[in-house]
Protein backbone atom coordinates (compact mmCIF):
# COMPACT_ATOMS: atom_id res chain seq x y z
CA MET A 1 40.52 22.41 -60.10
CA THR A 2 37.16 22.96 -61.87
CA ASP A 3 33.98 24.09 -60.22
CA ILE A 4 32.48 20.62 -60.42
CA GLU A 5 35.58 19.13 -58.78
CA LYS A 6 35.43 21.75 -56.05
CA LEU A 7 31.82 21.04 -55.41
CA GLU A 8 32.45 17.30 -55.22
CA SER A 9 35.25 17.78 -52.89
CA SER A 10 33.19 20.06 -50.53
CA ILE A 11 30.24 17.61 -50.51
CA LEU A 12 32.40 14.56 -49.93
CA ALA A 13 33.97 16.38 -46.99
CA ASP A 14 30.50 17.10 -45.45
CA ILE A 15 29.57 13.47 -45.92
CA ASP A 16 32.77 12.29 -44.10
CA THR A 17 32.23 14.63 -41.18
CA ALA A 18 28.46 13.70 -40.68
CA SER A 19 28.26 12.30 -37.18
CA ASP A 20 25.04 10.52 -37.44
CA GLU A 21 22.17 9.63 -39.92
CA ALA A 22 20.30 12.88 -39.25
CA ALA A 23 23.35 14.94 -40.13
CA LEU A 24 23.98 12.83 -43.25
CA GLU A 25 20.43 13.32 -44.36
CA ALA A 26 20.92 17.06 -44.01
CA VAL A 27 23.92 16.73 -46.41
CA ARG A 28 21.95 14.70 -48.89
CA VAL A 29 19.10 17.26 -49.00
CA ALA A 30 21.67 20.19 -49.38
CA ALA A 31 23.33 18.35 -52.28
CA LEU A 32 20.53 16.31 -54.11
CA GLY A 33 17.37 17.96 -52.91
CA LYS A 34 15.17 20.08 -55.14
CA LYS A 35 17.10 23.24 -54.22
CA GLY A 36 20.35 21.30 -53.56
CA SER A 37 23.73 22.50 -54.87
CA ILE A 38 23.95 19.74 -57.55
CA SER A 39 20.33 20.20 -58.60
CA GLU A 40 20.98 23.92 -59.01
CA VAL A 41 23.91 23.21 -61.35
CA MET A 42 21.71 20.71 -63.25
CA LYS A 43 19.21 23.37 -64.02
CA THR A 44 21.82 25.35 -65.94
CA LEU A 45 22.13 22.70 -68.65
CA GLY A 46 19.23 24.07 -70.52
CA ARG A 47 20.99 27.33 -71.18
CA MET A 48 24.23 25.69 -72.44
CA SER A 49 25.11 25.11 -76.06
CA ASN A 50 24.98 21.55 -77.47
CA GLU A 51 28.82 21.20 -77.17
CA GLU A 52 28.79 22.41 -73.55
CA ARG A 53 25.81 20.22 -72.64
CA LYS A 54 27.47 17.15 -74.18
CA GLU A 55 30.57 17.77 -71.99
CA MET A 56 28.86 18.91 -68.68
CA GLY A 57 25.90 16.42 -68.74
CA PRO A 58 27.96 13.35 -68.18
CA LYS A 59 30.14 15.09 -65.61
CA LEU A 60 27.15 16.18 -63.55
CA ASN A 61 25.52 12.78 -63.81
CA GLY A 62 28.75 11.19 -62.70
CA LEU A 63 28.99 13.72 -59.80
CA LYS A 64 25.33 12.96 -58.81
CA THR A 65 25.99 9.24 -58.75
CA ALA A 66 29.29 9.61 -56.87
CA ILE A 67 27.73 11.60 -54.18
CA ALA A 68 24.66 9.22 -53.84
CA ASP A 69 27.06 6.25 -53.59
CA ALA A 70 29.21 8.18 -50.97
CA ILE A 71 26.15 8.87 -48.97
CA ALA A 72 24.98 5.30 -49.04
CA SER A 73 28.40 4.01 -47.96
CA ARG A 74 28.58 6.58 -45.14
CA LYS A 75 25.06 5.64 -44.02
CA GLU A 76 26.07 1.95 -43.64
CA ILE A 77 29.13 2.98 -41.57
CA LEU A 78 26.97 5.12 -39.26
CA LYS A 79 24.53 2.35 -38.77
CA ARG A 80 27.17 -0.08 -37.70
CA GLU A 81 28.72 2.56 -35.35
CA ALA A 82 25.23 3.17 -33.88
CA ILE A 83 24.66 -0.53 -33.30
CA GLU A 84 28.11 -0.89 -31.69
CA LYS A 85 27.54 2.07 -29.41
CA ARG A 86 24.14 0.72 -28.36
CA LEU A 87 25.58 -2.72 -27.60
CA VAL A 88 28.15 -1.04 -25.42
CA SER A 89 25.71 1.04 -23.56
CA GLU A 90 23.08 -1.73 -23.11
CA THR A 91 25.43 -4.45 -22.13
CA THR A 92 24.15 -6.58 -19.21
CA ASP A 93 26.90 -7.79 -16.88
CA VAL A 94 25.79 -11.35 -16.27
CA THR A 95 28.10 -11.59 -13.33
CA LEU A 96 25.85 -9.19 -11.37
CA PRO A 97 23.20 -10.72 -8.96
CA VAL A 98 19.74 -10.88 -10.47
CA ARG A 99 17.52 -7.98 -9.31
CA GLN A 100 14.63 -8.83 -7.17
CA SER A 101 11.18 -8.72 -8.83
CA PRO A 102 8.62 -6.29 -7.41
CA ALA A 103 6.88 -9.28 -5.71
CA GLU A 104 10.13 -10.25 -3.98
CA ALA A 105 11.31 -6.73 -3.00
CA GLY A 106 7.87 -5.26 -1.86
CA ARG A 107 6.64 -5.76 1.66
CA ILE A 108 3.27 -5.93 3.35
CA HIS A 109 2.96 -3.65 6.37
CA PRO A 110 2.66 -5.64 9.65
CA ILE A 111 -0.66 -3.94 10.49
CA SER A 112 -2.15 -5.23 7.12
CA GLN A 113 -0.68 -8.65 7.82
CA VAL A 114 -2.20 -8.80 11.32
CA MET A 115 -5.57 -7.75 10.08
CA ASP A 116 -5.50 -10.53 7.60
CA GLU A 117 -4.54 -12.93 10.29
CA ILE A 118 -7.27 -11.74 12.60
CA THR A 119 -9.86 -12.00 9.68
CA ALA A 120 -8.83 -15.49 8.89
CA ILE A 121 -9.19 -16.68 12.51
CA PHE A 122 -12.60 -15.13 13.10
CA ALA A 123 -13.95 -16.07 9.61
CA ASP A 124 -13.15 -19.69 10.59
CA MET A 125 -15.39 -19.18 13.63
CA GLY A 126 -18.20 -17.87 11.51
CA PHE A 127 -17.77 -14.13 11.96
CA SER A 128 -18.17 -11.55 9.19
CA VAL A 129 -16.28 -8.33 8.84
CA ALA A 130 -18.12 -4.98 9.34
CA GLU A 131 -17.02 -1.43 8.62
CA GLY A 132 -18.21 2.11 9.31
CA PRO A 133 -17.16 5.77 8.92
CA ASP A 134 -14.11 7.29 10.62
CA ILE A 135 -15.99 10.63 11.31
CA GLU A 136 -18.94 9.93 13.61
CA THR A 137 -21.60 11.88 15.34
CA ASP A 138 -21.65 12.21 19.14
CA TYR A 139 -24.72 9.83 19.26
CA TYR A 140 -23.01 6.82 17.71
CA ASN A 141 -19.60 7.45 19.28
CA PHE A 142 -20.90 8.09 22.94
CA VAL A 143 -24.65 8.36 23.53
CA ALA A 144 -25.84 5.14 21.94
CA LEU A 145 -23.01 3.34 23.76
CA ASN A 146 -24.27 4.48 27.12
CA PHE A 147 -22.12 7.53 27.42
CA PRO A 148 -24.79 10.21 28.20
CA GLU A 149 -23.99 13.94 28.12
CA GLY A 150 -21.69 14.91 31.03
CA HIS A 151 -20.91 11.24 31.85
CA PRO A 152 -17.40 11.04 33.51
CA ALA A 153 -16.57 8.05 31.39
CA ARG A 154 -16.32 10.37 28.29
CA GLU A 155 -13.01 11.54 29.93
CA MET A 156 -11.65 7.97 29.29
CA HIS A 157 -11.26 9.16 25.68
CA ASP A 158 -9.16 12.14 24.45
CA THR A 159 -11.44 12.98 21.54
CA PHE A 160 -10.69 14.91 18.34
CA PHE A 161 -13.70 17.26 17.83
CA MET A 162 -14.62 18.69 14.42
CA GLU A 163 -15.73 22.36 13.85
CA PRO A 164 -19.61 22.71 14.54
CA ASP A 165 -21.80 22.24 11.50
CA GLU A 166 -24.78 24.49 10.49
CA ASN A 167 -26.84 22.84 13.14
CA GLY A 168 -24.13 23.47 15.88
CA GLU A 169 -23.36 19.72 16.09
CA ARG A 170 -19.66 18.79 16.45
CA LYS A 171 -18.77 15.54 14.88
CA VAL A 172 -15.81 13.56 16.10
CA LEU A 173 -13.05 11.34 14.81
CA ARG A 174 -14.19 8.00 16.15
CA THR A 175 -12.37 7.05 19.41
CA HIS A 176 -13.16 3.36 18.99
CA THR A 177 -14.77 1.08 16.40
CA SER A 178 -17.83 0.54 18.64
CA PRO A 179 -20.06 2.83 16.72
CA VAL A 180 -20.06 0.13 13.95
CA GLN A 181 -21.72 -2.22 16.52
CA ILE A 182 -24.57 0.18 16.94
CA ARG A 183 -24.93 0.66 13.20
CA THR A 184 -24.97 -3.05 12.69
CA MET A 185 -27.53 -3.73 15.37
CA GLU A 186 -29.76 -0.99 13.91
CA THR A 187 -29.78 -2.58 10.44
CA GLN A 188 -29.31 -6.31 11.03
CA GLU A 189 -31.54 -8.82 12.82
CA PRO A 190 -29.92 -11.02 15.33
CA PRO A 191 -28.18 -13.45 15.34
CA ILE A 192 -25.13 -11.20 14.79
CA ARG A 193 -21.50 -12.25 14.69
CA ILE A 194 -19.09 -9.59 13.47
CA VAL A 195 -15.59 -8.38 13.93
CA ILE A 196 -14.71 -4.67 13.17
CA PRO A 197 -11.12 -3.83 12.35
CA GLY A 198 -10.38 -0.26 11.49
CA LYS A 199 -8.68 3.04 12.37
CA THR A 200 -9.53 5.00 15.49
CA TYR A 201 -8.32 8.37 16.89
CA ARG A 202 -7.35 9.69 20.32
CA PHE A 203 -5.11 12.64 21.39
CA ASP A 204 -2.29 10.66 22.70
CA SER A 205 1.23 9.93 21.52
CA ASP A 206 4.26 8.08 23.00
CA ALA A 207 6.21 4.84 22.44
CA THR A 208 2.96 2.65 22.98
CA HIS A 209 0.32 5.24 21.81
CA SER A 210 -0.44 6.91 18.64
CA PRO A 211 -3.05 9.67 17.74
CA MET A 212 -4.25 7.32 14.95
CA PHE A 213 -4.14 3.64 15.82
CA HIS A 214 -5.95 0.35 14.73
CA GLN A 215 -8.51 -1.38 16.85
CA LEU A 216 -10.51 -4.61 16.46
CA GLU A 217 -13.85 -5.13 18.19
CA GLY A 218 -16.07 -8.13 18.10
CA LEU A 219 -19.85 -8.40 18.76
CA VAL A 220 -22.10 -11.42 19.24
CA ILE A 221 -25.91 -10.90 19.71
CA ASP A 222 -28.44 -13.61 20.00
CA LYS A 223 -30.81 -15.22 22.51
CA SER A 224 -28.31 -17.35 24.30
CA ALA A 225 -24.93 -15.64 24.23
CA ASN A 226 -23.08 -15.87 27.59
CA ILE A 227 -19.75 -15.34 29.29
CA ALA A 228 -18.78 -18.91 28.64
CA ASN A 229 -19.12 -18.33 24.86
CA LEU A 230 -17.10 -15.12 25.25
CA LYS A 231 -14.24 -16.94 27.04
CA TRP A 232 -14.13 -19.72 24.48
CA VAL A 233 -14.00 -17.14 21.52
CA LEU A 234 -11.13 -15.25 23.15
CA GLU A 235 -9.20 -18.38 24.19
CA GLU A 236 -9.42 -19.82 20.64
CA PHE A 237 -8.44 -16.56 19.15
CA CYS A 238 -5.39 -16.11 21.30
CA LYS A 239 -4.19 -19.76 20.69
CA ALA A 240 -4.58 -19.25 16.92
CA PHE A 241 -3.20 -15.73 16.74
CA PHE A 242 -0.07 -16.46 18.90
CA GLU A 243 0.27 -19.88 17.32
CA VAL A 244 0.46 -21.88 20.58
CA ASP A 245 -1.27 -25.16 21.53
CA ALA A 246 -2.66 -23.84 24.87
CA VAL A 247 -2.95 -20.55 26.74
CA LYS A 248 -4.09 -19.57 30.19
CA MET A 249 -6.23 -16.46 30.42
CA ARG A 250 -7.22 -14.37 33.45
CA PHE A 251 -10.50 -12.37 33.57
CA ARG A 252 -10.56 -9.39 35.92
CA PRO A 253 -13.53 -7.18 36.73
CA SER A 254 -13.34 -3.74 35.08
CA PHE A 255 -15.64 -0.93 33.83
CA PHE A 256 -16.79 0.00 30.38
CA PRO A 257 -19.96 2.01 29.94
CA PHE A 258 -21.27 -0.23 27.09
CA THR A 259 -20.83 -3.58 28.82
CA GLU A 260 -22.04 -5.06 32.10
CA PRO A 261 -20.36 -7.02 33.66
CA SER A 262 -17.04 -5.68 32.09
CA LEU A 263 -13.79 -7.56 32.22
CA GLU A 264 -10.09 -6.98 31.53
CA VAL A 265 -8.32 -10.11 30.01
CA ASP A 266 -4.75 -11.06 30.87
CA ILE A 267 -2.83 -13.79 28.99
CA GLN A 268 -0.13 -16.04 30.52
CA CYS A 269 3.32 -15.20 29.29
CA ASP A 270 7.10 -15.56 30.01
CA ARG A 271 9.13 -12.30 29.98
CA SER A 272 12.33 -13.73 31.40
CA GLY A 273 14.35 -13.56 28.10
CA ASN A 274 14.71 -11.02 25.41
CA GLU A 275 11.18 -11.79 24.07
CA VAL A 276 7.71 -12.29 25.35
CA ARG A 277 6.48 -15.89 25.00
CA PHE A 278 2.85 -16.69 25.35
CA GLY A 279 1.30 -19.88 26.62
CA GLU A 280 4.17 -20.50 29.22
CA GLY A 281 5.74 -18.72 32.14
CA ASP A 282 4.38 -17.33 35.33
CA ASP A 283 3.68 -13.73 34.25
CA TRP A 284 0.59 -12.04 32.93
CA MET A 285 -0.01 -9.40 30.30
CA GLU A 286 -3.18 -7.42 29.74
CA ILE A 287 -4.32 -7.69 26.01
CA LEU A 288 -7.89 -6.67 25.68
CA GLY A 289 -11.24 -5.71 27.28
CA CYS A 290 -14.61 -7.37 27.04
CA GLY A 291 -18.02 -7.88 28.63
CA MET A 292 -21.65 -8.58 28.16
CA VAL A 293 -23.44 -5.91 26.09
CA HIS A 294 -25.15 -3.39 28.34
CA PRO A 295 -28.92 -3.59 28.29
CA ASN A 296 -29.05 0.16 27.61
CA VAL A 297 -27.06 -0.35 24.41
CA LEU A 298 -29.57 -3.08 23.26
CA ARG A 299 -32.45 -0.74 23.94
CA ASN A 300 -30.78 2.13 22.00
CA CYS A 301 -30.76 -0.33 19.04
CA ASN A 302 -34.39 -1.30 19.46
CA LEU A 303 -33.47 -4.81 20.76
CA ASP A 304 -35.32 -6.24 23.84
CA PRO A 305 -32.73 -7.03 26.55
CA ASP A 306 -35.22 -9.58 27.93
CA VAL A 307 -34.98 -11.45 24.63
CA TYR A 308 -31.52 -10.76 23.29
CA GLN A 309 -28.19 -10.63 25.01
CA GLY A 310 -24.64 -10.55 23.70
CA PHE A 311 -20.97 -9.99 24.30
CA ALA A 312 -18.36 -7.75 22.90
CA TRP A 313 -14.53 -7.25 23.18
CA GLY A 314 -11.91 -4.84 21.90
CA MET A 315 -8.23 -4.90 21.42
CA GLY A 316 -5.53 -2.68 19.84
CA ILE A 317 -4.32 -4.23 16.59
CA ASP A 318 -1.01 -2.32 16.79
CA ARG A 319 -0.38 -3.54 20.27
CA ILE A 320 -0.99 -7.23 19.59
CA ALA A 321 1.18 -6.89 16.46
CA MET A 322 3.84 -5.47 18.73
CA LEU A 323 3.64 -8.34 21.17
CA LYS A 324 3.63 -11.08 18.52
CA TYR A 325 6.46 -9.73 16.29
CA GLY A 326 8.58 -8.02 18.82
CA MET A 327 8.33 -4.41 17.63
CA PRO A 328 9.56 -2.04 20.40
CA ASP A 329 7.97 1.37 19.42
CA LEU A 330 4.55 1.95 18.08
CA ARG A 331 5.64 5.24 16.34
CA ASP A 332 7.88 3.34 13.93
CA PHE A 333 4.59 1.84 12.44
CA PHE A 334 3.88 5.33 10.85
CA ASN A 335 7.44 6.75 10.18
CA ALA A 336 7.51 5.29 6.59
CA ASP A 337 11.17 4.10 7.09
CA VAL A 338 12.02 1.59 4.31
CA ARG A 339 14.59 -0.06 6.46
CA TRP A 340 11.96 -0.85 9.12
CA ILE A 341 9.39 -2.26 6.57
CA ARG A 342 12.06 -4.49 5.05
CA HIS A 343 12.85 -5.83 8.39
CA TYR A 344 9.41 -6.34 9.84
CA GLY A 345 7.33 -6.50 6.72
CA PHE A 346 5.92 -9.55 5.13
CA ARG A 347 6.29 -10.90 1.54
CA PRO A 348 3.26 -10.18 -0.63
CA LEU A 349 2.52 -13.84 -1.37
CA ASP A 350 2.86 -15.03 2.27
CA ILE A 351 -0.95 -14.90 2.69
CA PRO A 352 -2.08 -15.88 6.22
CA THR A 353 -4.09 -19.04 6.50
CA LEU A 354 -5.01 -21.32 9.40
CA PHE A 355 -3.79 -24.35 7.69
CA GLY A 356 -0.64 -22.85 6.24
CA GLY A 357 0.41 -20.74 9.28
CA LEU A 358 -0.63 -17.14 9.96
CA SER A 359 2.73 -15.42 10.19
CA GLY A 360 3.94 -16.97 6.86
């Protein structure tokens, strides 16, 4: 076997064993590239005699053509194999169920849903939504709301205090959303009709309490606001939120530093079965506190209590969500358990509306 035949045999073997197009390209460069094995032999033609050149020239050109054809042929085979392999790996089994889209698989947290429900109800009554900071001064969280220094009512709130600042003042994580009432009355002329949903913080934790929870407060300030208006607003809210045609409510005397008179509100319910039903039965359940805004609070906001009066109320959003949707443990709201959110969550496109139904 001549040297050319040995070279051809070696290159063809390399072509046949190339496993992919990258390996085949490496064989082509090694044989036909500038410094390839065939190219190096071609360079020797100039040093040959005329007779040798006439004999070797056609052989080398034939070798070059044969190798190029073999590479092209192998390249086509590798392309087909790559396509077949890709088709096997990317095959879709049409007998499998269709995967849910993100809009179908995702869920809205019940707290977000209930906040939207509440906003829809009160917006329909002409209320706007107000917000404020989670970290508050003692003045806005207590003093302006008729909790003077040393007042025993401060013990009603298990407060998270921050480290003292450079002035020695200790800010707090707000224990209620009431500071937003003060901030609104300081900056907005009456009449005022706002609801304030938001996070609040108290040092308490069990099946029905959480260190961080959600609260909704409402405030109305004008020259003629009265208890009758307050009762109507709360009754209409309860009917819309619990989606019942009628509901009985019971107002009991209570105490809150920022309202006078102060009232606790119970709602008629039936607890005889496995679930609580509102608007029927002979039982009662407390759901919120309310009252007429204390004159001292109005004075603290530079409003004359002889001219303006108002009413306010507050409720736990987490609590009314538990009551409406039958959730037994408040701590589950914050455990990030995907099974829980799949069970109690709401579809993203089920937007609460008064005409379409709040709970979707």
